[in-house]
Protein backbone atom coordinates (compact mmCIF):
# COMPACT_ATOMS: atom_id res chain seq x y z
CA UNK A 1 0.00 0.00 0.00
CA UNK A 2 1.44 3.37 -1.00
CA UNK A 3 1.55 6.39 1.36
CA UNK A 4 -1.57 8.05 -0.13
CA UNK A 5 -3.59 4.84 0.20
CA UNK A 6 -2.41 4.51 3.81
CA UNK A 7 -3.46 8.10 4.56
CA UNK A 8 -6.87 7.55 2.92
CA UNK A 9 -7.32 4.40 5.01
CA UNK A 10 -6.46 6.27 8.22
CA UNK A 11 -8.76 9.23 7.44
CA UNK A 12 -11.61 6.84 6.62
CA UNK A 13 -11.41 5.48 10.20
CA UNK A 14 -12.63 8.84 11.50
CA UNK A 15 -16.36 9.06 12.33
CA UNK A 16 -18.44 10.51 9.52
CA UNK A 17 -15.59 10.31 7.01
CA UNK A 18 -16.35 8.09 4.05
CA UNK A 19 -13.96 6.93 1.35
CA UNK A 20 -14.50 10.00 -0.89
CA UNK A 21 -13.97 12.50 1.92
CA UNK A 22 -10.92 10.54 3.13
CA UNK A 23 -9.46 10.70 -0.39
CA UNK A 24 -10.22 14.44 -0.62
CA UNK A 25 -8.45 15.04 2.70
CA UNK A 26 -5.46 12.92 1.73
CA UNK A 27 -5.02 14.71 -1.60
CA UNK A 28 -5.39 18.06 0.18
CA UNK A 29 -2.48 17.07 2.43
CA UNK A 30 -0.35 16.30 -0.65
CA UNK A 31 -0.96 19.84 -1.96
CA UNK A 32 -0.58 21.62 1.39
CA UNK A 33 2.77 22.99 2.54
CA UNK A 34 4.83 20.44 4.44
CA UNK A 35 4.67 22.70 7.50
CA UNK A 36 0.84 22.41 7.58
CA UNK A 37 1.05 18.61 7.48
CA UNK A 38 3.63 18.68 10.25
CA UNK A 39 1.45 20.98 12.42
CA UNK A 40 -1.49 18.61 11.95
CA UNK A 41 0.58 15.59 12.98
CA UNK A 42 1.98 17.44 16.02
CA UNK A 43 -1.53 18.53 17.07
CA UNK A 44 -2.76 14.92 16.87
CA UNK A 45 0.15 13.59 18.92
CA UNK A 46 -0.19 16.44 21.44
CA UNK A 47 -3.88 15.64 22.00
CA UNK A 48 -3.03 11.99 22.60
CA UNK A 49 -0.18 12.90 24.98
CA UNK A 50 -1.80 15.71 26.99
CA UNK A 51 -5.57 15.24 27.04
CA UNK A 52 -7.14 12.79 29.49
CA UNK A 53 -10.37 12.24 31.40
CA UNK A 54 -11.18 14.41 34.41
CA UNK A 55 -11.15 12.06 37.44
CA UNK A 56 -14.43 13.56 38.73
CA UNK A 57 -16.69 13.91 35.67
CA UNK A 58 -14.73 12.09 32.92
CA UNK A 59 -14.85 15.09 30.59
CA UNK A 60 -11.68 15.81 28.64
CA UNK A 61 -9.00 18.01 30.18
CA UNK A 62 -5.32 18.85 30.05
CA UNK A 63 -5.19 19.61 33.79
CA UNK A 64 -5.58 17.46 36.88
CA UNK A 65 -9.35 18.08 36.65
CA UNK A 66 -11.54 19.93 34.16
CA UNK A 67 -12.35 23.67 34.31
CA UNK A 68 -16.04 22.97 35.03
CA UNK A 69 -15.30 20.78 38.06
CA UNK A 70 -12.72 23.35 39.24
CA UNK A 71 -15.14 26.29 38.92
CA UNK A 72 -16.37 27.30 42.42
CA UNK A 73 -19.37 29.08 40.86
CA UNK A 74 -20.85 25.87 39.45
CA UNK A 75 -23.71 24.13 41.30
CA UNK A 76 -22.06 20.85 42.21
CA UNK A 77 -25.30 19.38 43.57
CA UNK A 78 -26.79 19.04 40.05
CA UNK A 79 -25.12 16.63 37.63
CA UNK A 80 -25.99 16.39 33.95
CA UNK A 81 -25.22 12.95 32.52
CA UNK A 82 -24.17 12.98 28.85
CA UNK A 83 -22.89 10.36 26.46
CA UNK A 84 -19.83 12.16 25.08
CA UNK A 85 -17.62 15.20 25.86
CA UNK A 86 -19.00 17.03 22.81
CA UNK A 87 -22.51 16.74 24.31
CA UNK A 88 -21.35 18.58 27.45
CA UNK A 89 -19.77 21.24 25.24
CA UNK A 90 -23.05 21.68 23.32
CA UNK A 91 -25.02 22.09 26.58
CA UNK A 92 -22.42 24.58 27.83
CA UNK A 93 -22.89 26.66 24.68
CA UNK A 94 -26.65 26.82 25.38
CA UNK A 95 -25.90 28.79 28.57
CA UNK A 96 -28.86 27.10 30.30
CA UNK A 97 -26.98 24.89 32.74
CA UNK A 98 -24.77 25.84 35.69
CA UNK A 99 -24.24 22.44 37.28
CA UNK A 100 -21.52 19.89 36.56
CA UNK A 101 -21.36 16.90 34.23
CA UNK A 102 -20.81 13.18 34.17
CA UNK A 103 -19.58 11.91 30.79
CA UNK A 104 -20.40 8.26 30.12
CA UNK A 105 -18.17 7.89 27.04
CA UNK A 106 -20.83 6.00 25.12
CA UNK A 107 -24.26 4.47 25.46
CA UNK A 108 -25.52 0.95 26.00
CA UNK A 109 -25.63 -0.98 22.76
CA UNK A 110 -25.72 -4.76 23.22
CA UNK A 111 -25.72 -5.30 19.45
CA UNK A 112 -22.37 -3.50 19.29
CA UNK A 113 -21.05 -5.29 22.38
CA UNK A 114 -21.27 -2.18 24.60
CA UNK A 115 -22.57 -3.06 28.04
CA UNK A 116 -22.70 -1.30 31.43
CA UNK A 117 -19.04 -2.09 32.14
CA UNK A 118 -17.97 -0.31 28.94
CA UNK A 119 -19.32 3.11 29.93
CA UNK A 120 -18.96 5.16 33.14
CA UNK A 121 -22.13 3.95 34.92
CA UNK A 122 -20.36 2.43 37.95
CA UNK A 123 -18.56 5.71 38.51
CA UNK A 124 -21.89 7.55 38.27
CA UNK A 125 -23.46 5.35 40.93
CA UNK A 126 -20.45 5.88 43.22
CA UNK A 127 -20.75 9.63 42.71
CA UNK A 128 -24.44 9.55 43.68
CA UNK A 129 -23.71 7.35 46.71
CA UNK A 130 -21.37 10.02 48.11
CA UNK A 131 -24.58 11.87 48.96
CA UNK A 132 -23.73 15.45 47.95
CA UNK A 133 -26.00 15.50 44.89
CA UNK A 134 -29.58 16.78 44.80
CA UNK A 135 -30.47 16.11 41.16
CA UNK A 136 -29.30 13.96 38.29
CA UNK A 137 -30.31 15.17 34.82
CA UNK A 138 -30.07 12.41 32.22
CA UNK A 139 -29.20 14.03 28.89
CA UNK A 140 -28.43 11.03 26.73
CA UNK A 141 -29.27 11.29 23.04
CA UNK A 142 -32.87 10.62 22.00
CA UNK A 143 -31.90 7.44 20.16
CA UNK A 144 -32.61 3.81 20.90
CA UNK A 145 -29.25 3.38 22.65
CA UNK A 146 -29.58 6.73 24.45
CA UNK A 147 -33.03 5.79 25.74
CA UNK A 148 -31.81 2.36 26.86
CA UNK A 149 -28.96 4.06 28.71
CA UNK A 150 -31.34 6.55 30.37
CA UNK A 151 -33.62 3.76 31.60
CA UNK A 152 -30.63 1.76 32.86
CA UNK A 153 -29.32 4.78 34.79
CA UNK A 154 -32.80 5.37 36.24
CA UNK A 155 -32.93 1.75 37.40
CA UNK A 156 -29.52 2.11 39.07
CA UNK A 157 -30.02 5.42 40.87
CA UNK A 158 -33.74 5.48 41.68
CA UNK A 159 -33.16 3.44 44.90
CA UNK A 160 -30.51 6.00 45.98
CA UNK A 161 -33.12 8.65 46.82
CA UNK A 162 -32.06 11.44 44.45
CA UNK A 163 -34.17 13.61 42.17
CA UNK A 164 -33.90 12.08 38.71
CA UNK A 165 -34.89 14.02 35.59
CA UNK A 166 -34.63 13.58 31.84
CA UNK A 167 -34.12 16.47 29.41
CA UNK A 168 -37.23 17.45 27.48
CA UNK A 169 -37.63 16.25 23.94
CA UNK A 170 -37.13 19.41 21.96
CA UNK A 171 -34.40 17.42 20.26
CA UNK A 172 -35.56 15.30 17.31
CA UNK A 173 -35.57 11.55 17.85
CA UNK A 174 -32.50 10.03 16.23
CA UNK A 175 -30.56 13.30 16.54
CA UNK A 176 -27.28 13.93 18.33
CA UNK A 177 -27.05 16.56 21.06
CA UNK A 178 -23.86 18.07 19.67
CA UNK A 179 -25.67 19.13 16.45
CA UNK A 180 -28.76 20.72 18.02
CA UNK A 181 -29.12 24.52 18.02
CA UNK A 182 -28.58 26.46 21.26
CA UNK A 183 -32.18 27.52 21.87
CA UNK A 184 -33.51 23.97 21.46
CA UNK A 185 -30.88 22.72 23.89
CA UNK A 186 -31.71 25.49 26.35
CA UNK A 187 -35.42 24.60 26.21
CA UNK A 188 -34.59 20.92 26.65
CA UNK A 189 -32.63 21.64 29.84
CA UNK A 190 -35.20 24.09 31.21
CA UNK A 191 -38.17 21.76 30.58
CA UNK A 192 -36.63 18.50 31.73
CA UNK A 193 -39.00 15.96 33.26
CA UNK A 194 -38.92 13.13 35.79
CA UNK A 195 -38.20 9.63 34.51
């Protein structure tokens, strides 16, 4: 396999990048200045070397813990549970939430071999058991796997005597939180309901 084919193969492993887009990206790299290609490779390696999960919420950070968990002005008694770091970022951009997050890093999908041990549900239960939380907002995507994850979380934490809510469905079924506009996300947070 020649270098261009290798690059196309690597780009096609990225989510949402098909063979045509991967080829377009690879050929763009061949035309770009060598310095641009080098900067891209350094940025990729730097992300892999420096970015890790926050030990409290499992969001991505370069520091010992994330800026949201470190912010004394955040309401640490309300936790919003999301599937991925980009979902927390989308909710942050809505400006409607001042609590903290818990990032699951996925959703339950038995058909894909993703079970409760493959996402951060145990850590969520331990966080609730510490007793400092007043409310858990489940903000998983309105998809089959997101709904299954929400019901599983509800089953786990309902016996722990905490207010449990689900974001409202202003988000279209089958959609991803990271792609929803700010006002829809804000309404979803503001009009969350019990599950």
